[in-house]
PDB file of N, CA and C in Angstrom:
ATOM      1  N   MET A   1    -143.880 -22.544 150.326  1.00  0.00           N
ATOM      2  CA  MET A   1    -142.865 -23.743 150.679  1.00  0.00           C
ATOM      3  C   MET A   1    -141.769 -22.945 149.290  1.00  0.00           C
ATOM      4  N   THR A   2    -140.949 -23.121 149.853  1.00  0.00           N
ATOM      5  CA  THR A   2    -139.626 -22.897 149.248  1.00  0.00           C
ATOM      6  C   THR A   2    -139.416 -23.337 148.491  1.00  0.00           C
ATOM      7  N   GLN A   3    -139.022 -22.818 147.292  1.00  0.00           N
ATOM      8  CA  GLN A   3    -138.409 -23.675 145.593  1.00  0.00           C
ATOM      9  C   GLN A   3    -137.350 -24.020 145.882  1.00  0.00           C
ATOM     10  N   PRO A   4    -136.539 -25.196 145.488  1.00  0.00           N
ATOM     11  CA  PRO A   4    -134.935 -25.593 145.811  1.00  0.00           C
ATOM     12  C   PRO A   4    -134.875 -24.567 144.670  1.00  0.00           C
ATOM     13  N   PHE A   5    -133.156 -23.574 144.369  1.00  0.00           N
ATOM     14  CA  PHE A   5    -132.082 -22.906 143.382  1.00  0.00           C
ATOM     15  C   PHE A   5    -132.152 -23.792 142.511  1.00  0.00           C
ATOM     16  N   GLU A   6    -132.528 -23.226 141.331  1.00  0.00           N
ATOM     17  CA  GLU A   6    -132.207 -24.443 140.572  1.00  0.00           C
ATOM     18  C   GLU A   6    -130.373 -23.624 140.436  1.00  0.00           C
ATOM     19  N   THR A   7    -129.749 -24.939 139.795  1.00  0.00           N
ATOM     20  CA  THR A   7    -128.416 -24.469 139.453  1.00  0.00           C
ATOM     21  C   THR A   7    -128.112 -24.758 138.016  1.00  0.00           C
ATOM     22  N   LYS A   8    -127.694 -23.691 137.258  1.00  0.00           N
ATOM     23  CA  LYS A   8    -126.878 -23.426 135.899  1.00  0.00           C
ATOM     24  C   LYS A   8    -126.211 -24.715 136.127  1.00  0.00           C
ATOM     25  N   PRO A   9    -126.359 -25.555 135.011  1.00  0.00           N
ATOM     26  CA  PRO A   9    -125.143 -26.768 133.918  1.00  0.00           C
ATOM     27  C   PRO A   9    -124.300 -25.751 134.062  1.00  0.00           C
ATOM     28  N   LYS A  10    -123.001 -26.738 133.985  1.00  0.00           N
ATOM     29  CA  LYS A  10    -121.623 -26.091 134.235  1.00  0.00           C
ATOM     30  C   LYS A  10    -121.207 -25.918 131.970  1.00  0.00           C
ATOM     31  N   LYS A  11    -121.006 -24.406 131.763  1.00  0.00           N
ATOM     32  CA  LYS A  11    -120.523 -24.499 130.698  1.00  0.00           C
ATOM     33  C   LYS A  11    -119.638 -25.149 130.239  1.00  0.00           C
ATOM     34  N   ARG A  12    -119.291 -26.218 128.992  1.00  0.00           N
ATOM     35  CA  ARG A  12    -118.221 -26.693 128.707  1.00  0.00           C
ATOM     36  C   ARG A  12    -117.344 -26.368 128.103  1.00  0.00           C
ATOM     37  N   LYS A  13    -115.629 -26.557 128.157  1.00  0.00           N
ATOM     38  CA  LYS A  13    -114.911 -25.917 128.414  1.00  0.00           C
ATOM     39  C   LYS A  13    -114.824 -26.171 126.537  1.00  0.00           C
ATOM     40  N   ARG A  14    -114.054 -26.100 125.882  1.00  0.00           N
ATOM     41  CA  ARG A  14    -114.105 -27.278 124.167  1.00  0.00           C
ATOM     42  C   ARG A  14    -112.905 -26.388 123.964  1.00  0.00           C
ATOM     43  N   ILE A  15    -111.698 -27.487 124.937  1.00  0.00           N
ATOM     44  CA  ILE A  15    -110.102 -27.051 125.171  1.00  0.00           C
ATOM     45  C   ILE A  15    -109.759 -27.375 123.654  1.00  0.00           C
ATOM     46  N   GLY A  16    -110.102 -28.780 123.611  1.00  0.00           N
ATOM     47  CA  GLY A  16    -109.052 -30.223 121.972  1.00  0.00           C
ATOM     48  C   GLY A  16    -109.788 -28.524 120.992  1.00  0.00           C
ATOM     49  N   MET A  17    -110.818 -28.343 120.911  1.00  0.00           N
ATOM     50  CA  MET A  17    -110.747 -27.355 119.541  1.00  0.00           C
ATOM     51  C   MET A  17    -109.927 -26.092 119.699  1.00  0.00           C
ATOM     52  N   TRP A  18    -109.150 -25.225 120.996  1.00  0.00           N
ATOM     53  CA  TRP A  18    -108.892 -24.462 120.157  1.00  0.00           C
ATOM     54  C   TRP A  18    -107.359 -25.191 120.283  1.00  0.00           C
ATOM     55  N   ILE A  19    -107.100 -25.905 120.453  1.00  0.00           N
ATOM     56  CA  ILE A  19    -106.168 -26.812 120.412  1.00  0.00           C
ATOM     57  C   ILE A  19    -106.150 -27.757 118.798  1.00  0.00           C
ATOM     58  N   PHE A  20    -106.494 -27.316 118.534  1.00  0.00           N
ATOM     59  CA  PHE A  20    -106.908 -27.582 116.999  1.00  0.00           C
ATOM     60  C   PHE A  20    -107.196 -26.288 116.292  1.00  0.00           C
ATOM     61  N   LEU A  21    -107.466 -26.044 116.733  1.00  0.00           N
ATOM     62  CA  LEU A  21    -108.372 -24.648 115.350  1.00  0.00           C
ATOM     63  C   LEU A  21    -106.243 -24.207 115.783  1.00  0.00           C
ATOM     64  N   ALA A  22    -105.434 -23.519 116.595  1.00  0.00           N
ATOM     65  CA  ALA A  22    -103.874 -23.545 116.712  1.00  0.00           C
ATOM     66  C   ALA A  22    -103.395 -24.497 116.301  1.00  0.00           C
ATOM     67  N   VAL A  23    -103.154 -26.130 115.992  1.00  0.00           N
ATOM     68  CA  VAL A  23    -102.271 -26.595 115.654  1.00  0.00           C
ATOM     69  C   VAL A  23    -102.810 -26.424 113.699  1.00  0.00           C
ATOM     70  N   GLN A  24    -103.766 -26.618 113.484  1.00  0.00           N
ATOM     71  CA  GLN A  24    -104.019 -25.752 112.177  1.00  0.00           C
ATOM     72  C   GLN A  24    -103.864 -24.709 111.547  1.00  0.00           C
ATOM     73  N   ALA A  25    -103.440 -23.733 112.112  1.00  0.00           N
ATOM     74  CA  ALA A  25    -102.702 -22.663 112.468  1.00  0.00           C
ATOM     75  C   ALA A  25    -100.993 -22.630 112.109  1.00  0.00           C
ATOM     76  N   LEU A  26    -101.094 -23.614 113.205  1.00  0.00           N
ATOM     77  CA  LEU A  26     -99.054 -23.119 113.390  1.00  0.00           C
ATOM     78  C   LEU A  26     -98.869 -24.052 111.667  1.00  0.00           C
ATOM     79  N   PHE A  27     -99.688 -25.290 111.320  1.00  0.00           N
ATOM     80  CA  PHE A  27     -99.438 -25.192 109.954  1.00  0.00           C
ATOM     81  C   PHE A  27     -98.991 -25.022 108.968  1.00  0.00           C
ATOM     82  N   LEU A  28    -100.854 -23.983 108.866  1.00  0.00           N
ATOM     83  CA  LEU A  28    -100.822 -23.317 107.977  1.00  0.00           C
ATOM     84  C   LEU A  28     -99.797 -21.676 108.230  1.00  0.00           C
ATOM     85  N   VAL A  29     -99.223 -21.457 108.955  1.00  0.00           N
ATOM     86  CA  VAL A  29     -98.067 -20.354 109.396  1.00  0.00           C
ATOM     87  C   VAL A  29     -97.137 -21.030 108.053  1.00  0.00           C
ATOM     88  N   TRP A  30     -96.756 -22.164 108.680  1.00  0.00           N
ATOM     89  CA  TRP A  30     -95.671 -23.233 108.582  1.00  0.00           C
ATOM     90  C   TRP A  30     -95.211 -23.634 106.962  1.00  0.00           C
ATOM     91  N   ILE A  31     -96.637 -23.402 106.320  1.00  0.00           N
ATOM     92  CA  ILE A  31     -96.299 -23.209 104.790  1.00  0.00           C
ATOM     93  C   ILE A  31     -96.186 -22.224 104.331  1.00  0.00           C
ATOM     94  N   ILE A  32     -96.590 -21.525 104.583  1.00  0.00           N
ATOM     95  CA  ILE A  32     -97.015 -19.789 103.974  1.00  0.00           C
ATOM     96  C   ILE A  32     -95.322 -19.514 104.059  1.00  0.00           C
ATOM     97  N   VAL A  33     -94.693 -20.043 105.339  1.00  0.00           N
ATOM     98  CA  VAL A  33     -92.811 -19.200 105.577  1.00  0.00           C
ATOM     99  C   VAL A  33     -92.715 -20.162 104.735  1.00  0.00           C
ATOM    100  N   GLY A  34     -92.739 -21.867 104.863  1.00  0.00           N
ATOM    101  CA  GLY A  34     -91.846 -22.173 103.779  1.00  0.00           C
ATOM    102  C   GLY A  34     -91.610 -21.819 101.993  1.00  0.00           C
ATOM    103  N   VAL A  35     -93.193 -21.375 101.324  1.00  0.00           N
ATOM    104  CA  VAL A  35     -93.234 -21.006 100.013  1.00  0.00           C
ATOM    105  C   VAL A  35     -92.967 -19.852  99.630  1.00  0.00           C
ATOM    106  N   SER A  36     -92.289 -18.956 101.087  1.00  0.00           N
ATOM    107  CA  SER A  36     -91.881 -18.066 100.988  1.00  0.00           C
ATOM    108  C   SER A  36     -90.574 -17.544 101.039  1.00  0.00           C
ATOM    109  N   THR A  37     -90.034 -18.264 101.448  1.00  0.00           N
ATOM    110  CA  THR A  37     -88.377 -17.816 101.982  1.00  0.00           C
ATOM    111  C   THR A  37     -87.943 -18.750 100.444  1.00  0.00           C
ATOM    112  N   SER A  38     -88.996 -19.593  99.555  1.00  0.00           N
ATOM    113  CA  SER A  38     -88.109 -20.020  99.173  1.00  0.00           C
ATOM    114  C   SER A  38     -87.658 -19.569  97.863  1.00  0.00           C
ATOM    115  N   GLY A  39     -85.963 -19.158  97.186  1.00  0.00           N
ATOM    116  CA  GLY A  39     -85.725 -18.215  96.229  1.00  0.00           C
ATOM    117  C   GLY A  39     -84.898 -19.014  95.825  1.00  0.00           C
ATOM    118  N   THR A  40     -84.343 -18.088  94.430  1.00  0.00           N
ATOM    119  CA  THR A  40     -83.369 -18.826  93.777  1.00  0.00           C
ATOM    120  C   THR A  40     -81.838 -18.669  95.148  1.00  0.00           C
ATOM    121  N   PRO A  41     -81.225 -20.278  94.781  1.00  0.00           N
ATOM    122  CA  PRO A  41     -80.229 -20.486  95.956  1.00  0.00           C
ATOM    123  C   PRO A  41     -79.408 -19.516  95.097  1.00  0.00           C
ATOM    124  N   SER A  42     -77.959 -19.209  96.143  1.00  0.00           N
ATOM    125  CA  SER A  42     -77.387 -18.470  95.468  1.00  0.00           C
ATOM    126  C   SER A  42     -76.216 -19.580  95.145  1.00  0.00           C
ATOM    127  N   ASP A  43     -75.683 -20.609  95.480  1.00  0.00           N
ATOM    128  CA  ASP A  43     -74.678 -21.444  95.016  1.00  0.00           C
ATOM    129  C   ASP A  43     -75.341 -22.714  93.594  1.00  0.00           C
ATOM    130  N   CYS A  44     -75.225 -22.725  93.106  1.00  0.00           N
ATOM    131  CA  CYS A  44     -75.924 -24.096  91.879  1.00  0.00           C
ATOM    132  C   CYS A  44     -74.948 -24.791  91.346  1.00  0.00           C
ATOM    133  N   GLN A  45     -73.511 -24.740  91.625  1.00  0.00           N
ATOM    134  CA  GLN A  45     -72.876 -25.632  91.236  1.00  0.00           C
ATOM    135  C   GLN A  45     -72.787 -26.150  89.905  1.00  0.00           C
ATOM    136  N   GLY A  46     -72.648 -24.598  88.838  1.00  0.00           N
ATOM    137  CA  GLY A  46     -72.227 -25.528  87.649  1.00  0.00           C
ATOM    138  C   GLY A  46     -74.051 -25.125  87.191  1.00  0.00           C
ATOM    139  N   LEU A  47     -74.579 -25.254  87.306  1.00  0.00           N
ATOM    140  CA  LEU A  47     -76.051 -24.722  86.860  1.00  0.00           C
ATOM    141  C   LEU A  47     -76.488 -23.567  86.016  1.00  0.00           C
ATOM    142  N   ASP A  48     -77.261 -23.721  85.194  1.00  0.00           N
ATOM    143  CA  ASP A  48     -77.777 -22.293  84.544  1.00  0.00           C
ATOM    144  C   ASP A  48     -79.167 -22.150  85.899  1.00  0.00           C
ATOM    145  N   ALA A  49     -79.236 -20.952  85.577  1.00  0.00           N
ATOM    146  CA  ALA A  49     -79.839 -20.131  86.227  1.00  0.00           C
ATOM    147  C   ALA A  49     -80.788 -20.848  85.731  1.00  0.00           C
ATOM    148  N   GLN A  50     -80.986 -20.478  84.382  1.00  0.00           N
ATOM    149  CA  GLN A  50     -83.291 -21.341  84.490  1.00  0.00           C
ATOM    150  C   GLN A  50     -83.690 -22.860  85.122  1.00  0.00           C
ATOM    151  N   THR A  51     -82.681 -23.077  85.849  1.00  0.00           N
ATOM    152  CA  THR A  51     -82.204 -25.391  85.912  1.00  0.00           C
ATOM    153  C   THR A  51     -82.233 -25.445  87.441  1.00  0.00           C
ATOM    154  N   CYS A  52     -81.582 -24.188  87.595  1.00  0.00           N
ATOM    155  CA  CYS A  52     -81.627 -23.891  89.169  1.00  0.00           C
ATOM    156  C   CYS A  52     -82.298 -22.910  89.909  1.00  0.00           C
ATOM    157  N   LYS A  53     -83.795 -22.432  89.126  1.00  0.00           N
ATOM    158  CA  LYS A  53     -84.906 -22.467  89.107  1.00  0.00           C
ATOM    159  C   LYS A  53     -85.563 -23.036  90.166  1.00  0.00           C
ATOM    160  N   ASP A  54     -85.565 -23.757  88.250  1.00  0.00           N
ATOM    161  CA  ASP A  54     -86.555 -25.440  88.585  1.00  0.00           C
ATOM    162  C   ASP A  54     -86.382 -25.458  89.321  1.00  0.00           C
ATOM    163  N   ALA A  55     -85.706 -25.806  90.410  1.00  0.00           N
ATOM    164  CA  ALA A  55     -84.650 -27.305  90.629  1.00  0.00           C
ATOM    165  C   ALA A  55     -85.676 -26.996  91.981  1.00  0.00           C
ATOM    166  N   SER A  56     -84.800 -26.068  92.583  1.00  0.00           N
ATOM    167  CA  SER A  56     -85.998 -25.010  93.603  1.00  0.00           C
ATOM    168  C   SER A  56     -86.929 -25.098  93.622  1.00  0.00           C
ATOM    169  N   SER A  57     -87.592 -25.034  93.014  1.00  0.00           N
ATOM    170  CA  SER A  57     -89.475 -24.215  92.902  1.00  0.00           C
ATOM    171  C   SER A  57     -89.779 -26.409  93.152  1.00  0.00           C
ATOM    172  N   VAL A  58     -88.598 -27.018  92.410  1.00  0.00           N
ATOM    173  CA  VAL A  58     -89.606 -28.773  92.829  1.00  0.00           C
ATOM    174  C   VAL A  58     -88.968 -28.470  94.179  1.00  0.00           C
ATOM    175  N   GLY A  59     -87.748 -28.557  94.564  1.00  0.00           N
ATOM    176  CA  GLY A  59     -87.510 -29.051  96.617  1.00  0.00           C
ATOM    177  C   GLY A  59     -88.361 -27.986  96.636  1.00  0.00           C
ATOM    178  N   THR A  60     -89.017 -26.617  96.663  1.00  0.00           N
ATOM    179  CA  THR A  60     -90.240 -26.350  97.159  1.00  0.00           C
ATOM    180  C   THR A  60     -91.723 -27.646  97.522  1.00  0.00           C
ATOM    181  N   ALA A  61     -91.601 -27.815  96.418  1.00  0.00           N
ATOM    182  CA  ALA A  61     -92.664 -28.453  96.583  1.00  0.00           C
ATOM    183  C   ALA A  61     -92.640 -29.573  96.458  1.00  0.00           C
ATOM    184  N   ILE A  62     -92.063 -30.135  97.611  1.00  0.00           N
ATOM    185  CA  ILE A  62     -92.252 -31.444  97.385  1.00  0.00           C
ATOM    186  C   ILE A  62     -91.495 -31.454  99.142  1.00  0.00           C
ATOM    187  N   GLY A  63     -91.273 -30.517  99.209  1.00  0.00           N
ATOM    188  CA  GLY A  63     -91.476 -29.691 101.326  1.00  0.00           C
ATOM    189  C   GLY A  63     -92.978 -29.553 101.443  1.00  0.00           C
ATOM    190  N   VAL A  64     -93.110 -28.588 100.865  1.00  0.00           N
ATOM    191  CA  VAL A  64     -94.501 -28.281 100.915  1.00  0.00           C
ATOM    192  C   VAL A  64     -95.370 -30.108 101.453  1.00  0.00           C
ATOM    193  N   GLY A  65     -95.463 -31.389  99.982  1.00  0.00           N
ATOM    194  CA  GLY A  65     -95.876 -31.400  99.670  1.00  0.00           C
ATOM    195  C   GLY A  65     -96.212 -32.691 100.943  1.00  0.00           C
ATOM    196  N   LEU A  66     -94.426 -32.652 101.882  1.00  0.00           N
ATOM    197  CA  LEU A  66     -94.280 -33.464 103.045  1.00  0.00           C
ATOM    198  C   LEU A  66     -95.066 -32.588 104.444  1.00  0.00           C
ATOM    199  N   ILE A  67     -95.269 -31.164 104.186  1.00  0.00           N
ATOM    200  CA  ILE A  67     -95.903 -30.778 105.126  1.00  0.00           C
ATOM    201  C   ILE A  67     -97.037 -30.872 105.369  1.00  0.00           C
ATOM    202  N   ILE A  68     -97.862 -30.894 104.181  1.00  0.00           N
ATOM    203  CA  ILE A  68     -99.475 -31.067 104.205  1.00  0.00           C
ATOM    204  C   ILE A  68     -99.603 -32.486 104.869  1.00  0.00           C
ATOM    205  N   GLY A  69     -98.689 -33.922 104.048  1.00  0.00           N
ATOM    206  CA  GLY A  69     -99.164 -35.100 104.022  1.00  0.00           C
ATOM    207  C   GLY A  69     -98.907 -34.897 105.966  1.00  0.00           C
ATOM    208  N   LEU A  70     -98.003 -34.780 106.181  1.00  0.00           N
ATOM    209  CA  LEU A  70     -97.892 -34.757 108.039  1.00  0.00           C
ATOM    210  C   LEU A  70     -99.807 -33.814 108.559  1.00  0.00           C
ATOM    211  N   TRP A  71     -99.332 -32.710 107.881  1.00  0.00           N
ATOM    212  CA  TRP A  71    -100.461 -32.055 108.294  1.00  0.00           C
ATOM    213  C   TRP A  71    -101.637 -32.795 108.373  1.00  0.00           C
ATOM    214  N   ALA A  72    -101.954 -33.820 107.006  1.00  0.00           N
ATOM    215  CA  ALA A  72    -103.093 -35.250 107.671  1.00  0.00           C
ATOM    216  C   ALA A  72    -103.262 -35.648 108.829  1.00  0.00           C
ATOM    217  N   VAL A  73    -101.912 -36.082 109.027  1.00  0.00           N
ATOM    218  CA  VAL A  73    -102.254 -37.477 109.531  1.00  0.00           C
ATOM    219  C   VAL A  73    -101.999 -36.623 110.998  1.00  0.00           C
ATOM    220  N   VAL A  74    -101.903 -35.810 111.028  1.00  0.00           N
ATOM    221  CA  VAL A  74    -101.747 -35.062 112.669  1.00  0.00           C
ATOM    222  C   VAL A  74    -102.869 -35.157 112.832  1.00  0.00           C
ATOM    223  N   ASP A  75    -103.972 -33.796 112.037  1.00  0.00           N
ATOM    224  CA  ASP A  75    -104.717 -33.936 111.888  1.00  0.00           C
ATOM    225  C   ASP A  75    -106.226 -35.251 112.033  1.00  0.00           C
ATOM    226  N   PHE A  76    -105.704 -36.002 111.596  1.00  0.00           N
ATOM    227  CA  PHE A  76    -106.129 -37.552 111.849  1.00  0.00           C
ATOM    228  C   PHE A  76    -106.005 -38.840 113.607  1.00  0.00           C
ATOM    229  N   ILE A  77    -104.928 -37.629 114.004  1.00  0.00           N
ATOM    230  CA  ILE A  77    -104.903 -38.314 115.308  1.00  0.00           C
ATOM    231  C   ILE A  77    -105.617 -38.214 116.198  1.00  0.00           C
ATOM    232  N   MET A  78    -105.291 -36.471 116.102  1.00  0.00           N
ATOM    233  CA  MET A  78    -106.149 -35.426 116.867  1.00  0.00           C
ATOM    234  C   MET A  78    -107.969 -35.820 116.740  1.00  0.00           C
ATOM    235  N   GLY A  79    -108.438 -35.861 115.333  1.00  0.00           N
ATOM    236  CA  GLY A  79    -110.102 -36.237 115.512  1.00  0.00           C
ATOM    237  C   GLY A  79    -110.056 -37.291 116.177  1.00  0.00           C
ATOM    238  N   ILE A  80    -109.389 -38.220 115.573  1.00  0.00           N
ATOM    239  CA  ILE A  80    -109.414 -39.940 116.830  1.00  0.00           C
ATOM    240  C   ILE A  80    -109.477 -39.314 118.308  1.00  0.00           C
ATOM    241  N   THR A  81    -108.309 -38.505 118.628  1.00  0.00           N
ATOM    242  CA  THR A  81    -108.103 -39.018 119.708  1.00  0.00           C
ATOM    243  C   THR A  81    -109.380 -38.105 120.918  1.00  0.00           C
ATOM    244  N   LEU A  82    -109.690 -36.799 119.730  1.00  0.00           N
ATOM    245  CA  LEU A  82    -111.135 -35.753 120.541  1.00  0.00           C
ATOM    246  C   LEU A  82    -111.758 -36.624 120.924  1.00  0.00           C
ATOM    247  N   LEU A  83    -112.442 -37.987 119.014  1.00  0.00           N
ATOM    248  CA  LEU A  83    -114.211 -38.655 119.257  1.00  0.00           C
ATOM    249  C   LEU A  83    -113.588 -39.325 120.351  1.00  0.00           C
ATOM    250  N   ILE A  84    -112.435 -40.115 121.180  1.00  0.00           N
ATOM    251  CA  ILE A  84    -112.240 -40.803 121.857  1.00  0.00           C
ATOM    252  C   ILE A  84    -112.603 -40.442 123.458  1.00  0.00           C
ATOM    253  N   ILE A  85    -112.513 -39.225 123.302  1.00  0.00           N
ATOM    254  CA  ILE A  85    -111.854 -37.978 125.180  1.00  0.00           C
ATOM    255  C   ILE A  85    -114.101 -38.484 124.338  1.00  0.00           C
ATOM    256  N   ARG A  86    -114.073 -36.864 124.221  1.00  0.00           N
ATOM    257  CA  ARG A  86    -115.968 -37.638 123.978  1.00  0.00           C
ATOM    258  C   ARG A  86    -116.609 -38.423 123.879  1.00  0.00           C
ATOM    259  N   LEU A  87    -116.434 -39.698 123.681  1.00  0.00           N
ATOM    260  CA  LEU A  87    -116.839 -40.954 123.618  1.00  0.00           C
ATOM    261  C   LEU A  87    -116.869 -41.069 125.130  1.00  0.00           C
ATOM    262  N   ASN A  88    -116.105 -40.729 125.955  1.00  0.00           N
ATOM    263  CA  ASN A  88    -116.050 -41.801 126.867  1.00  0.00           C
ATOM    264  C   ASN A  88    -116.096 -40.538 128.020  1.00  0.00           C
ATOM    265  N   ARG A  89    -116.760 -39.603 127.628  1.00  0.00           N
ATOM    266  CA  ARG A  89    -117.171 -38.155 128.227  1.00  0.00           C
ATOM    267  C   ARG A  89    -118.727 -38.607 128.811  1.00  0.00           C
ATOM    268  N   ARG A  90    -119.288 -39.309 127.670  1.00  0.00           N
ATOM    269  CA  ARG A  90    -120.793 -39.242 127.370  1.00  0.00           C
ATOM    270  C   ARG A  90    -121.099 -40.258 128.222  1.00  0.00           C
ATOM    271  N   ASP A  91    -120.499 -41.613 128.729  1.00  0.00           N
ATOM    272  CA  ASP A  91    -121.383 -42.350 129.206  1.00  0.00           C
ATOM    273  C   ASP A  91    -121.005 -41.562 130.851  1.00  0.00           C
ATOM    274  N   LYS A  92    -120.409 -40.876 130.981  1.00  0.00           N
ATOM    275  CA  LYS A  92    -120.382 -40.212 132.818  1.00  0.00           C
ATOM    276  C   LYS A  92    -121.399 -39.563 133.297  1.00  0.00           C
TER     277      LYS A  92
END
């Protein structure tokens, strides 16, 4: 009697996870580049050096805060999307 040959189940590709990790890396690079390029501005328009440096630091902090906020929103949207896709595939 012959035995039916067994087929191995297909290994699932985790494209969603790799896209998620790529987005995380992009946001991390964006923050690192943004913080590293903030320096003392050359045109202070009548401000003394310390006030100009403080204003530059505040601007950098606001920029980084906006990037982190955008990062959180994108992560939330991606997480919900991946969850919906996973639930949709589970029914099949």
